[in-house]
Amino acid sequence: MPDTPAPDAPAAATHITVRPWIDPVVDDDGFDPRSRYVELFWLGVLGPTATWLVRRLVAGLEQSPHGYELDLDATARAMGLSYSAGRSSPFSKALQRCVMFGLAHPVDSGLAVRRRVPPISLRHLQRMPESLQAAHHDWQCTAIGLDELTRAHQLATTMLDLGDDTSVIEHHLVALGVRDAVAAQAADNAYRLTQTN
């Protein structure tokens, strides 16, 4: 894989501007960065630090949909890392990985960040252990029945009504026995409802 250059702004600045990366295809069909899909299939590609970083960046965009200023040092310390200007710190490497794997790209004085994570590419999928490849195949081939989705959606909206955060609904549904793909769809529908209200 060619090494994609990391943005210069995060390496040289103490603050950057984070903006949403508008991509209608991924925004419609992608996955929430906090989803089980990302935990199962993207974590091994991105690495844990970059995965957590994407989650934090997207959470910031939920609070400030048009963009916000990110204090790199404070964010790194909140994640248990140190920050130093340059590309060698673990935090800077996580930013670089977000860019390298197409979840962010450099813009003036900062980064544009995807709000949704695209499906894992075939190239990355083929490098995964066979058990994960099989799990991904099962995920893609899961036929979701209307009754099953309706039940999961009712559970998800009840959780929202009770004050559960949208970031944990999918995990709660799975804990209640809802299949992964169904839980992901119901949680995504519930999340989208909160965005339209």
Protein backbone atom coordinates (compact mmCIF):
# COMPACT_ATOMS: atom_id res chain seq x y z
CA MET A 1 0.00 0.00 0.00
CA PRO A 2 1.49 3.39 -0.88
CA ASP A 3 2.13 5.60 2.07
CA THR A 4 -0.38 8.45 1.96
CA PRO A 5 1.13 11.64 3.34
CA ALA A 6 -0.41 12.78 6.57
CA PRO A 7 -1.76 16.30 6.82
CA ASP A 8 0.86 18.89 7.67
CA ALA A 9 -1.47 20.96 9.83
CA PRO A 10 -1.98 18.36 12.60
CA ALA A 11 1.76 17.69 12.77
CA ALA A 12 2.69 21.38 13.12
CA ALA A 13 -0.23 22.91 15.03
CA THR A 14 -1.66 22.54 18.50
CA HIS A 15 -5.23 23.06 17.26
CA ILE A 16 -6.92 22.02 14.04
CA THR A 17 -10.36 22.53 12.58
CA VAL A 18 -12.42 19.37 12.12
CA ARG A 19 -15.08 19.57 9.43
CA PRO A 20 -17.52 16.99 8.12
CA TRP A 21 -16.51 15.14 4.97
CA ILE A 22 -19.69 15.17 2.93
CA ASP A 23 -19.95 11.99 0.86
CA PRO A 24 -23.57 11.06 0.09
CA VAL A 25 -22.73 7.45 -0.80
CA VAL A 26 -20.88 6.67 2.45
CA ASP A 27 -23.18 8.92 4.49
CA ASP A 28 -26.13 6.78 3.34
CA ASP A 29 -24.56 3.32 3.34
CA GLY A 30 -21.70 3.57 5.83
CA PHE A 31 -21.49 2.51 9.46
CA ASP A 32 -21.42 4.51 12.65
CA PRO A 33 -17.81 4.53 13.93
CA ARG A 34 -19.07 3.14 17.26
CA SER A 35 -20.82 0.20 15.59
CA ARG A 36 -20.01 -3.46 16.01
CA TYR A 37 -19.19 -3.54 12.29
CA VAL A 38 -16.32 -1.11 12.86
CA GLU A 39 -15.21 -3.01 15.98
CA LEU A 40 -15.20 -6.32 14.14
CA PHE A 41 -13.86 -5.40 10.73
CA TRP A 42 -12.11 -2.02 10.87
CA LEU A 43 -10.32 -2.29 14.22
CA GLY A 44 -7.63 -4.62 12.93
CA VAL A 45 -7.05 -2.40 9.90
CA LEU A 46 -7.03 1.00 11.61
CA GLY A 47 -5.60 -0.07 14.93
CA PRO A 48 -7.19 0.71 18.30
CA THR A 49 -5.88 4.27 18.68
CA ALA A 50 -7.08 5.43 15.26
CA THR A 51 -10.43 3.68 15.81
CA TRP A 52 -10.96 5.53 19.10
CA LEU A 53 -9.80 8.76 17.49
CA VAL A 54 -12.35 8.48 14.66
CA ARG A 55 -15.06 7.87 17.24
CA ARG A 56 -14.06 11.02 19.13
CA LEU A 57 -13.84 13.13 15.99
CA VAL A 58 -17.29 12.03 14.83
CA ALA A 59 -18.76 12.57 18.31
CA GLY A 60 -17.48 16.15 18.06
CA LEU A 61 -19.24 16.54 14.72
CA GLU A 62 -22.48 15.36 16.30
CA GLN A 63 -22.17 18.20 18.81
CA SER A 64 -21.00 20.74 16.17
CA PRO A 65 -22.27 19.52 12.78
CA HIS A 66 -20.57 22.25 10.77
CA GLY A 67 -17.16 21.74 12.37
CA TYR A 68 -15.18 22.57 15.49
CA GLU A 69 -11.73 23.34 16.75
CA LEU A 70 -9.83 20.38 18.20
CA ASP A 71 -7.09 20.85 20.77
CA LEU A 72 -4.63 18.14 19.77
CA ASP A 73 -2.74 18.04 23.06
CA ALA A 74 -5.90 17.87 25.20
CA THR A 75 -7.42 15.21 22.95
CA ALA A 76 -4.26 13.12 23.02
CA ARG A 77 -4.05 13.34 26.81
CA ALA A 78 -7.75 12.44 27.13
CA MET A 79 -6.94 9.27 25.18
CA GLY A 80 -3.98 8.44 27.44
CA LEU A 81 -1.40 9.54 24.88
CA SER A 82 1.13 12.29 24.60
CA TYR A 83 1.17 14.77 21.77
CA SER A 84 4.19 16.34 20.20
CA ALA A 85 4.49 18.31 16.99
CA GLY A 86 5.79 15.84 14.46
CA ARG A 87 4.75 12.56 12.95
CA SER A 88 6.32 10.18 15.43
CA SER A 89 3.98 10.47 18.41
CA PRO A 90 1.30 7.76 18.76
CA PHE A 91 -1.44 10.38 18.48
CA SER A 92 0.03 11.83 15.27
CA LYS A 93 0.35 8.33 13.87
CA ALA A 94 -3.34 7.73 14.61
CA LEU A 95 -4.23 10.89 12.69
CA GLN A 96 -2.04 9.67 9.82
CA ARG A 97 -3.80 6.29 9.80
CA CYS A 98 -7.20 7.99 9.60
CA VAL A 99 -5.99 9.79 6.47
CA MET A 100 -4.18 6.76 5.04
CA PHE A 101 -7.30 4.59 5.25
CA GLY A 102 -9.66 7.21 3.83
CA LEU A 103 -11.57 8.22 6.95
CA ALA A 104 -10.22 11.77 6.88
CA HIS A 105 -8.44 14.06 4.46
CA PRO A 106 -6.50 17.29 4.88
CA VAL A 107 -8.27 20.62 4.39
CA ASP A 108 -7.18 24.16 5.14
CA SER A 109 -6.00 24.26 8.76
CA GLY A 110 -7.37 20.84 9.62
CA LEU A 111 -9.17 17.69 8.58
CA ALA A 112 -12.42 16.73 6.93
CA VAL A 113 -13.66 13.58 8.69
CA ARG A 114 -16.15 11.00 7.47
CA ARG A 115 -19.19 10.85 9.75
CA ARG A 116 -19.80 7.28 8.63
CA VAL A 117 -17.24 4.55 7.97
CA PRO A 118 -17.48 2.80 4.58
CA PRO A 119 -17.69 -0.98 4.28
CA ILE A 120 -14.30 -2.62 4.56
CA SER A 121 -12.54 -3.04 1.22
CA LEU A 122 -11.98 -6.45 -0.31
CA ARG A 123 -8.22 -5.90 -0.14
CA HIS A 124 -8.35 -5.49 3.65
CA LEU A 125 -10.95 -8.22 4.08
CA GLN A 126 -8.71 -10.75 2.32
CA ARG A 127 -5.93 -10.09 4.85
CA MET A 128 -8.16 -10.89 7.82
CA PRO A 129 -8.29 -14.25 9.58
CA GLU A 130 -10.69 -16.71 7.96
CA SER A 131 -13.07 -16.45 10.92
CA LEU A 132 -13.49 -12.70 10.35
CA GLN A 133 -13.88 -13.19 6.61
CA ALA A 134 -16.66 -15.69 7.31
CA ALA A 135 -18.27 -13.33 9.84
CA HIS A 136 -18.19 -10.53 7.27
CA HIS A 137 -19.77 -12.81 4.66
CA ASP A 138 -22.50 -13.75 7.14
CA TRP A 139 -23.05 -10.07 7.94
CA GLN A 140 -23.48 -9.20 4.28
CA CYS A 141 -25.74 -12.16 3.56
CA THR A 142 -28.03 -11.75 6.55
CA ALA A 143 -31.59 -11.57 5.33
CA ILE A 144 -33.44 -9.21 7.60
CA GLY A 145 -37.10 -10.02 8.03
CA LEU A 146 -39.61 -7.24 8.54
CA ASP A 147 -40.87 -8.69 11.83
CA GLU A 148 -37.36 -9.01 13.21
CA LEU A 149 -36.42 -5.48 12.14
CA THR A 150 -39.68 -4.06 13.50
CA ARG A 151 -39.07 -5.68 16.89
CA ALA A 152 -35.48 -4.43 16.99
CA HIS A 153 -36.59 -0.96 15.92
CA GLN A 154 -39.20 -0.87 18.69
CA LEU A 155 -36.56 -1.84 21.23
CA ALA A 156 -34.18 0.80 19.88
CA THR A 157 -36.75 3.60 19.97
CA THR A 158 -37.75 2.57 23.50
CA MET A 159 -34.09 2.81 24.53
CA LEU A 160 -33.92 6.28 22.97
CA ASP A 161 -37.11 7.32 24.77
CA LEU A 162 -35.59 6.14 28.05
CA GLY A 163 -32.52 8.29 27.43
CA ASP A 164 -29.98 5.77 26.17
CA ASP A 165 -27.24 7.30 24.06
CA THR A 166 -27.40 6.32 20.39
CA SER A 167 -23.81 5.08 20.59
CA VAL A 168 -24.75 2.15 22.88
CA ILE A 169 -28.07 1.06 21.43
CA GLU A 170 -26.58 -1.41 18.95
CA HIS A 171 -24.57 -3.10 21.72
CA HIS A 172 -27.66 -3.30 23.95
CA LEU A 173 -29.67 -4.87 21.14
CA VAL A 174 -27.01 -7.53 20.57
CA ALA A 175 -26.95 -8.22 24.31
CA LEU A 176 -30.72 -8.79 24.10
CA GLY A 177 -30.17 -11.44 21.39
CA VAL A 178 -30.76 -9.38 18.26
CA ARG A 179 -28.50 -10.51 15.40
CA ASP A 180 -25.58 -8.21 14.54
CA ALA A 181 -26.79 -6.99 11.15
CA VAL A 182 -30.33 -6.45 12.44
CA ALA A 183 -29.07 -4.59 15.52
CA ALA A 184 -26.87 -2.42 13.31
CA GLN A 185 -29.79 -1.54 11.03
CA ALA A 186 -32.19 -0.81 13.91
CA ALA A 187 -29.61 1.31 15.75
CA ASP A 188 -28.81 3.18 12.55
CA ASN A 189 -32.50 3.87 11.95
CA ALA A 190 -32.86 5.12 15.54
CA TYR A 191 -29.82 7.36 15.12
CA ARG A 192 -31.20 8.82 11.90
CA LEU A 193 -34.49 9.55 13.68
CA THR A 194 -32.62 11.66 16.23
CA GLN A 195 -30.98 13.62 13.40
CA THR A 196 -34.32 14.49 11.78
CA ASN A 197 -36.09 15.55 14.98
